[in-house]
Amino acid sequence: WPRGEPNLATLVEETELPFPDFSFDNVLLVHGLETA
């Protein structure tokens, strides 16, 4: 994602997100919690 552009998507472990503390203002969680 996005299609036809430089990739901005990655695969992560749900218990070890590869991002530093306090990295994001907003997080959208869709079809992730029910399968965790």
All heavy atoms as atom14 arrays in JSON, in Angstrom:
{
  "sequence": "WPRGEPNLATLVEETELPFPDFSFDNVLLVHGLETA",
  "atom14_mask": [
    [1, 1, 1, 1, 1, 1, 1, 1, 1, 1, 1, 1, 1, 1],
    [1, 1, 1, 1, 1, 1, 1, 0, 0, 0, 0, 0, 0, 0],
    [1, 1, 1, 1, 1, 1, 1, 1, 1, 1, 1, 0, 0, 0],
    [1, 1, 1, 1, 0, 0, 0, 0, 0, 0, 0, 0, 0, 0],
    [1, 1, 1, 1, 1, 1, 1, 1, 1, 0, 0, 0, 0, 0],
    [1, 1, 1, 1, 1, 1, 1, 0, 0, 0, 0, 0, 0, 0],
    [1, 1, 1, 1, 1, 1, 1, 1, 0, 0, 0, 0, 0, 0],
    [1, 1, 1, 1, 1, 1, 1, 1, 0, 0, 0, 0, 0, 0],
    [1, 1, 1, 1, 1, 0, 0, 0, 0, 0, 0, 0, 0, 0],
    [1, 1, 1, 1, 1, 1, 1, 0, 0, 0, 0, 0, 0, 0],
    [1, 1, 1, 1, 1, 1, 1, 1, 0, 0, 0, 0, 0, 0],
    [1, 1, 1, 1, 1, 1, 1, 0, 0, 0, 0, 0, 0, 0],
    [1, 1, 1, 1, 1, 1, 1, 1, 1, 0, 0, 0, 0, 0],
    [1, 1, 1, 1, 1, 1, 1, 1, 1, 0, 0, 0, 0, 0],
    [1, 1, 1, 1, 1, 1, 1, 0, 0, 0, 0, 0, 0, 0],
    [1, 1, 1, 1, 1, 1, 1, 1, 1, 0, 0, 0, 0, 0],
    [1, 1, 1, 1, 1, 1, 1, 1, 0, 0, 0, 0, 0, 0],
    [1, 1, 1, 1, 1, 1, 1, 0, 0, 0, 0, 0, 0, 0],
    [1, 1, 1, 1, 1, 1, 1, 1, 1, 1, 1, 0, 0, 0],
    [1, 1, 1, 1, 1, 1, 1, 0, 0, 0, 0, 0, 0, 0],
    [1, 1, 1, 1, 1, 1, 1, 1, 0, 0, 0, 0, 0, 0],
    [1, 1, 1, 1, 1, 1, 1, 1, 1, 1, 1, 0, 0, 0],
    [1, 1, 1, 1, 1, 1, 0, 0, 0, 0, 0, 0, 0, 0],
    [1, 1, 1, 1, 1, 1, 1, 1, 1, 1, 1, 0, 0, 0],
    [1, 1, 1, 1, 1, 1, 1, 1, 0, 0, 0, 0, 0, 0],
    [1, 1, 1, 1, 1, 1, 1, 1, 0, 0, 0, 0, 0, 0],
    [1, 1, 1, 1, 1, 1, 1, 0, 0, 0, 0, 0, 0, 0],
    [1, 1, 1, 1, 1, 1, 1, 1, 0, 0, 0, 0, 0, 0],
    [1, 1, 1, 1, 1, 1, 1, 1, 0, 0, 0, 0, 0, 0],
    [1, 1, 1, 1, 1, 1, 1, 0, 0, 0, 0, 0, 0, 0],
    [1, 1, 1, 1, 1, 1, 1, 1, 1, 1, 0, 0, 0, 0],
    [1, 1, 1, 1, 0, 0, 0, 0, 0, 0, 0, 0, 0, 0],
    [1, 1, 1, 1, 1, 1, 1, 1, 0, 0, 0, 0, 0, 0],
    [1, 1, 1, 1, 1, 1, 1, 1, 1, 0, 0, 0, 0, 0],
    [1, 1, 1, 1, 1, 1, 1, 0, 0, 0, 0, 0, 0, 0],
    [1, 1, 1, 1, 1, 0, 0, 0, 0, 0, 0, 0, 0, 0]
  ],
  "atom14_positions": [
    [[0.85, -1.19, 0.0], [0.0, 0.0, 0.0], [0.88, 1.24, 0.0], [1.92, 1.26, 0.68], [-0.89, 0.02, 1.26], [-1.78, 1.21, 1.32], [-3.0, 1.37, 0.74], [-1.52, 2.45, 2.01], [-3.5, 2.61, 1.02], [-2.62, 3.29, 1.8], [-0.44, 2.91, 2.79], [-2.69, 4.57, 2.32], [-0.5, 4.19, 3.3], [-1.62, 5.01, 3.08]],
    [[0.49, 2.26, -0.75], [-0.61, 2.34, -1.72], [-0.21, 1.74, -3.07], [0.98, 1.6, -3.36], [-0.85, 3.85, -1.83], [0.49, 4.47, -1.53], [1.16, 3.56, -0.53], [0.0, 0.0, 0.0], [0.0, 0.0, 0.0], [0.0, 0.0, 0.0], [0.0, 0.0, 0.0], [0.0, 0.0, 0.0], [0.0, 0.0, 0.0], [0.0, 0.0, 0.0]],
    [[-1.18, 1.43, -3.88], [-0.91, 0.8, -5.17], [-0.24, 1.77, -6.13], [-0.61, 2.93, -6.22], [-2.21, 0.3, -5.79], [-2.87, -0.86, -5.04], [-4.11, -1.33, -5.76], [-4.74, -2.45, -5.05], [-5.84, -3.06, -5.48], [-6.43, -2.64, -6.61], [-6.35, -4.06, -4.79], [0.0, 0.0, 0.0], [0.0, 0.0, 0.0], [0.0, 0.0, 0.0]],
    [[0.76, 1.25, -6.83], [1.44, 2.05, -7.84], [2.35, 3.12, -7.29], [2.84, 3.96, -8.05], [0.0, 0.0, 0.0], [0.0, 0.0, 0.0], [0.0, 0.0, 0.0], [0.0, 0.0, 0.0], [0.0, 0.0, 0.0], [0.0, 0.0, 0.0], [0.0, 0.0, 0.0], [0.0, 0.0, 0.0], [0.0, 0.0, 0.0], [0.0, 0.0, 0.0]],
    [[2.61, 3.12, -5.97], [3.47, 4.13, -5.35], [4.45, 3.44, -4.41], [4.32, 2.25, -4.13], [2.61, 5.14, -4.58], [1.62, 5.9, -5.45], [0.84, 6.92, -4.65], [1.47, 7.62, -3.82], [-0.38, 7.02, -4.84], [0.0, 0.0, 0.0], [0.0, 0.0, 0.0], [0.0, 0.0, 0.0], [0.0, 0.0, 0.0], [0.0, 0.0, 0.0]],
    [[5.46, 4.17, -3.94], [6.39, 3.56, -2.97], [5.64, 2.96, -1.79], [4.72, 3.56, -1.24], [7.27, 4.75, -2.54], [7.24, 5.66, -3.72], [5.86, 5.54, -4.3], [0.0, 0.0, 0.0], [0.0, 0.0, 0.0], [0.0, 0.0, 0.0], [0.0, 0.0, 0.0], [0.0, 0.0, 0.0], [0.0, 0.0, 0.0], [0.0, 0.0, 0.0]],
    [[6.03, 1.75, -1.4], [5.31, 1.01, -0.39], [5.42, 1.66, 1.0], [6.5, 2.04, 1.44], [5.85, -0.42, -0.31], [5.07, -1.27, 0.67], [3.84, -1.32, 0.61], [5.77, -1.96, 1.55], [0.0, 0.0, 0.0], [0.0, 0.0, 0.0], [0.0, 0.0, 0.0], [0.0, 0.0, 0.0], [0.0, 0.0, 0.0], [0.0, 0.0, 0.0]],
    [[4.28, 1.76, 1.68], [4.22, 2.31, 3.03], [3.6, 1.31, 4.0], [3.1, 1.69, 5.06], [3.39, 3.6, 3.05], [3.94, 4.78, 2.22], [2.97, 5.93, 2.23], [5.29, 5.22, 2.77], [0.0, 0.0, 0.0], [0.0, 0.0, 0.0], [0.0, 0.0, 0.0], [0.0, 0.0, 0.0], [0.0, 0.0, 0.0], [0.0, 0.0, 0.0]],
    [[3.64, 0.03, 3.64], [3.05, -1.02, 4.47], [4.11, -2.0, 4.92], [5.09, -2.25, 4.2], [1.94, -1.75, 3.7], [0.0, 0.0, 0.0], [0.0, 0.0, 0.0], [0.0, 0.0, 0.0], [0.0, 0.0, 0.0], [0.0, 0.0, 0.0], [0.0, 0.0, 0.0], [0.0, 0.0, 0.0], [0.0, 0.0, 0.0], [0.0, 0.0, 0.0]],
    [[3.92, -2.58, 6.11], [4.88, -3.54, 6.64], [4.16, -4.58, 7.47], [3.02, -4.38, 7.9], [5.94, -2.83, 7.51], [6.93, -3.77, 7.93], [5.3, -2.2, 8.73], [0.0, 0.0, 0.0], [0.0, 0.0, 0.0], [0.0, 0.0, 0.0], [0.0, 0.0, 0.0], [0.0, 0.0, 0.0], [0.0, 0.0, 0.0], [0.0, 0.0, 0.0]],
    [[4.82, -5.7, 7.72], [4.29, -6.77, 8.56], [4.91, -6.66, 9.95], [6.13, -6.5, 10.07], [4.61, -8.13, 7.94], [3.96, -9.36, 8.6], [2.45, -9.32, 8.4], [4.53, -10.64, 8.0], [0.0, 0.0, 0.0], [0.0, 0.0, 0.0], [0.0, 0.0, 0.0], [0.0, 0.0, 0.0], [0.0, 0.0, 0.0], [0.0, 0.0, 0.0]],
    [[4.1, -6.76, 10.98], [4.59, -6.56, 12.35], [4.09, -7.67, 13.26], [3.13, -8.37, 12.95], [4.13, -5.19, 12.91], [4.65, -4.05, 12.07], [2.61, -5.13, 13.03], [0.0, 0.0, 0.0], [0.0, 0.0, 0.0], [0.0, 0.0, 0.0], [0.0, 0.0, 0.0], [0.0, 0.0, 0.0], [0.0, 0.0, 0.0], [0.0, 0.0, 0.0]],
    [[4.76, -7.82, 14.39], [4.28, -8.67, 15.46], [3.36, -7.85, 16.36], [3.71, -6.74, 16.76], [5.44, -9.23, 16.28], [6.27, -10.28, 15.56], [5.51, -11.6, 15.4], [4.53, -11.82, 16.16], [5.88, -12.38, 14.52], [0.0, 0.0, 0.0], [0.0, 0.0, 0.0], [0.0, 0.0, 0.0], [0.0, 0.0, 0.0], [0.0, 0.0, 0.0]],
    [[2.21, -8.39, 16.68], [1.22, -7.6, 17.43], [1.69, -7.2, 18.82], [1.23, -6.2, 19.37], [-0.09, -8.39, 17.54], [0.05, -9.68, 18.34], [-1.24, -10.48, 18.36], [-1.95, -10.47, 17.35], [-1.52, -11.1, 19.39], [0.0, 0.0, 0.0], [0.0, 0.0, 0.0], [0.0, 0.0, 0.0], [0.0, 0.0, 0.0], [0.0, 0.0, 0.0]],
    [[2.62, -7.96, 19.4], [3.1, -7.64, 20.75], [4.43, -6.9, 20.74], [4.94, -6.57, 21.81], [3.24, -8.93, 21.57], [4.14, -9.82, 20.9], [1.9, -9.61, 21.75], [0.0, 0.0, 0.0], [0.0, 0.0, 0.0], [0.0, 0.0, 0.0], [0.0, 0.0, 0.0], [0.0, 0.0, 0.0], [0.0, 0.0, 0.0], [0.0, 0.0, 0.0]],
    [[4.98, -6.62, 19.55], [6.26, -5.91, 19.45], [6.24, -5.0, 18.22], [6.91, -5.26, 17.23], [7.43, -6.89, 19.37], [7.61, -7.75, 20.62], [8.82, -8.68, 20.51], [9.56, -8.55, 19.51], [9.01, -9.52, 21.4], [0.0, 0.0, 0.0], [0.0, 0.0, 0.0], [0.0, 0.0, 0.0], [0.0, 0.0, 0.0], [0.0, 0.0, 0.0]],
    [[5.49, -3.94, 18.29], [5.43, -3.02, 17.16], [6.79, -2.34, 16.98], [7.37, -1.85, 17.95], [4.35, -1.96, 17.4], [2.91, -2.49, 17.53], [1.95, -1.33, 17.72], [2.51, -3.32, 16.31], [0.0, 0.0, 0.0], [0.0, 0.0, 0.0], [0.0, 0.0, 0.0], [0.0, 0.0, 0.0], [0.0, 0.0, 0.0], [0.0, 0.0, 0.0]],
    [[7.31, -2.32, 15.75], [8.68, -1.81, 15.52], [8.74, -0.28, 15.43], [9.36, 0.27, 14.51], [9.04, -2.46, 14.19], [7.76, -2.54, 13.45], [6.71, -2.83, 14.5], [0.0, 0.0, 0.0], [0.0, 0.0, 0.0], [0.0, 0.0, 0.0], [0.0, 0.0, 0.0], [0.0, 0.0, 0.0], [0.0, 0.0, 0.0], [0.0, 0.0, 0.0]],
    [[8.13, 0.4, 16.36], [8.1, 1.86, 16.35], [8.5, 2.36, 17.74], [8.17, 1.73, 18.75], [6.71, 2.39, 15.99], [6.13, 1.79, 14.74], [5.05, 0.93, 14.79], [6.68, 2.08, 13.5], [4.51, 0.37, 13.64], [6.16, 1.52, 12.34], [5.07, 0.66, 12.41], [0.0, 0.0, 0.0], [0.0, 0.0, 0.0], [0.0, 0.0, 0.0]],
    [[9.18, 3.49, 17.8], [9.55, 4.06, 19.11], [8.33, 4.5, 19.91], [7.22, 4.65, 19.36], [10.44, 5.26, 18.73], [10.81, 5.05, 17.3], [9.7, 4.29, 16.68], [0.0, 0.0, 0.0], [0.0, 0.0, 0.0], [0.0, 0.0, 0.0], [0.0, 0.0, 0.0], [0.0, 0.0, 0.0], [0.0, 0.0, 0.0], [0.0, 0.0, 0.0]],
    [[8.53, 4.72, 21.19], [7.46, 5.26, 22.03], [7.04, 6.63, 21.5], [7.85, 7.4, 20.98], [7.94, 5.42, 23.47], [8.33, 4.08, 24.1], [8.12, 3.05, 23.44], [8.83, 4.08, 25.23], [0.0, 0.0, 0.0], [0.0, 0.0, 0.0], [0.0, 0.0, 0.0], [0.0, 0.0, 0.0], [0.0, 0.0, 0.0], [0.0, 0.0, 0.0]],
    [[5.75, 6.95, 21.67], [5.21, 8.27, 21.32], [5.46, 8.62, 19.85], [5.9, 9.72, 19.53], [5.79, 9.35, 22.23], [5.69, 9.05, 23.69], [6.83, 8.73, 24.42], [4.47, 9.07, 24.33], [6.74, 8.43, 25.77], [4.38, 8.78, 25.69], [5.51, 8.47, 26.42], [0.0, 0.0, 0.0], [0.0, 0.0, 0.0], [0.0, 0.0, 0.0]],
    [[5.16, 7.68, 18.95], [5.44, 7.9, 17.53], [4.26, 8.46, 16.75], [4.46, 9.15, 15.75], [5.88, 6.58, 16.87], [7.08, 6.1, 17.42], [0.0, 0.0, 0.0], [0.0, 0.0, 0.0], [0.0, 0.0, 0.0], [0.0, 0.0, 0.0], [0.0, 0.0, 0.0], [0.0, 0.0, 0.0], [0.0, 0.0, 0.0], [0.0, 0.0, 0.0]],
    [[3.03, 8.17, 17.17], [1.86, 8.48, 16.35], [0.82, 9.29, 17.12], [0.64, 9.11, 18.32], [1.22, 7.2, 15.82], [2.13, 6.38, 14.95], [2.84, 5.32, 15.48], [2.29, 6.69, 13.61], [3.69, 4.57, 14.69], [3.15, 5.95, 12.81], [3.85, 4.89, 13.34], [0.0, 0.0, 0.0], [0.0, 0.0, 0.0], [0.0, 0.0, 0.0]],
    [[0.14, 10.16, 16.37], [-0.96, 10.92, 16.93], [-2.26, 10.14, 16.88], [-3.11, 10.27, 17.77], [-1.16, 12.23, 16.16], [0.06, 13.12, 16.2], [0.33, 13.69, 17.27], [0.75, 13.24, 15.16], [0.0, 0.0, 0.0], [0.0, 0.0, 0.0], [0.0, 0.0, 0.0], [0.0, 0.0, 0.0], [0.0, 0.0, 0.0], [0.0, 0.0, 0.0]],
    [[-2.44, 9.35, 15.84], [-3.68, 8.6, 15.63], [-3.35, 7.19, 15.18], [-2.47, 6.99, 14.32], [-4.56, 9.26, 14.58], [-5.04, 10.64, 14.98], [-4.27, 11.61, 14.97], [-6.29, 10.75, 15.35], [0.0, 0.0, 0.0], [0.0, 0.0, 0.0], [0.0, 0.0, 0.0], [0.0, 0.0, 0.0], [0.0, 0.0, 0.0], [0.0, 0.0, 0.0]],
    [[-4.08, 6.2, 15.72], [-3.95, 4.81, 15.3], [-5.34, 4.3, 14.94], [-6.28, 4.39, 15.74], [-3.34, 3.92, 16.39], [-3.37, 2.45, 15.97], [-1.9, 4.35, 16.67], [0.0, 0.0, 0.0], [0.0, 0.0, 0.0], [0.0, 0.0, 0.0], [0.0, 0.0, 0.0], [0.0, 0.0, 0.0], [0.0, 0.0, 0.0], [0.0, 0.0, 0.0]],
    [[-5.47, 3.76, 13.73], [-6.71, 3.14, 13.26], [-6.51, 1.63, 13.27], [-5.65, 1.11, 12.56], [-7.05, 3.63, 11.85], [-8.27, 2.97, 11.19], [-9.55, 3.31, 11.95], [-8.38, 3.41, 9.72], [0.0, 0.0, 0.0], [0.0, 0.0, 0.0], [0.0, 0.0, 0.0], [0.0, 0.0, 0.0], [0.0, 0.0, 0.0], [0.0, 0.0, 0.0]],
    [[-7.3, 0.92, 14.07], [-7.17, -0.53, 14.22], [-8.42, -1.19, 13.64], [-9.51, -1.12, 14.22], [-7.0, -0.9, 15.7], [-6.9, -2.37, 16.06], [-5.77, -3.06, 15.31], [-6.72, -2.53, 17.57], [0.0, 0.0, 0.0], [0.0, 0.0, 0.0], [0.0, 0.0, 0.0], [0.0, 0.0, 0.0], [0.0, 0.0, 0.0], [0.0, 0.0, 0.0]],
    [[-8.26, -1.82, 12.48], [-9.38, -2.45, 11.77], [-9.06, -3.92, 11.53], [-8.0, -4.26, 10.98], [-9.64, -1.75, 10.42], [-10.83, -2.4, 9.7], [-9.9, -0.27, 10.62], [0.0, 0.0, 0.0], [0.0, 0.0, 0.0], [0.0, 0.0, 0.0], [0.0, 0.0, 0.0], [0.0, 0.0, 0.0], [0.0, 0.0, 0.0], [0.0, 0.0, 0.0]],
    [[-9.96, -4.81, 11.9], [-9.77, -6.26, 11.71], [-8.42, -6.7, 12.28], [-7.71, -7.49, 11.67], [-9.85, -6.63, 10.23], [-11.23, -6.53, 9.66], [-12.34, -6.96, 10.34], [-11.67, -6.05, 8.48], [-13.41, -6.74, 9.58], [-13.03, -6.19, 8.47], [0.0, 0.0, 0.0], [0.0, 0.0, 0.0], [0.0, 0.0, 0.0], [0.0, 0.0, 0.0]],
    [[-8.09, -6.2, 13.43], [-6.84, -6.6, 14.08], [-7.07, -7.13, 15.47], [-6.48, -8.13, 15.87], [0.0, 0.0, 0.0], [0.0, 0.0, 0.0], [0.0, 0.0, 0.0], [0.0, 0.0, 0.0], [0.0, 0.0, 0.0], [0.0, 0.0, 0.0], [0.0, 0.0, 0.0], [0.0, 0.0, 0.0], [0.0, 0.0, 0.0], [0.0, 0.0, 0.0]],
    [[-7.96, -6.5, 16.2], [-8.19, -6.89, 17.6], [-8.88, -8.24, 17.69], [-8.52, -9.08, 18.53], [-9.02, -5.82, 18.3], [-9.25, -6.03, 19.8], [-7.93, -6.09, 20.55], [-10.13, -4.92, 20.36], [0.0, 0.0, 0.0], [0.0, 0.0, 0.0], [0.0, 0.0, 0.0], [0.0, 0.0, 0.0], [0.0, 0.0, 0.0], [0.0, 0.0, 0.0]],
    [[-9.86, -8.48, 16.83], [-10.62, -9.74, 16.94], [-9.81, -10.96, 16.54], [-10.13, -12.09, 16.93], [-11.91, -9.67, 16.1], [-11.69, -9.59, 14.6], [-11.63, -8.16, 14.1], [-11.3, -7.27, 14.9], [-11.93, -7.95, 12.91], [0.0, 0.0, 0.0], [0.0, 0.0, 0.0], [0.0, 0.0, 0.0], [0.0, 0.0, 0.0], [0.0, 0.0, 0.0]],
    [[-8.75, -10.79, 15.77], [-7.91, -11.92, 15.36], [-6.62, -12.01, 16.16], [-5.82, -12.92, 15.93], [-7.57, -11.81, 13.86], [-6.87, -10.57, 13.62], [-8.83, -11.85, 13.01], [0.0, 0.0, 0.0], [0.0, 0.0, 0.0], [0.0, 0.0, 0.0], [0.0, 0.0, 0.0], [0.0, 0.0, 0.0], [0.0, 0.0, 0.0], [0.0, 0.0, 0.0]],
    [[-6.41, -11.09, 17.1], [-5.17, -11.09, 17.87], [-5.13, -12.26, 18.85], [-6.15, -12.62, 19.45], [-5.03, -9.76, 18.63], [0.0, 0.0, 0.0], [0.0, 0.0, 0.0], [0.0, 0.0, 0.0], [0.0, 0.0, 0.0], [0.0, 0.0, 0.0], [0.0, 0.0, 0.0], [0.0, 0.0, 0.0], [0.0, 0.0, 0.0], [0.0, 0.0, 0.0]]
  ]
}
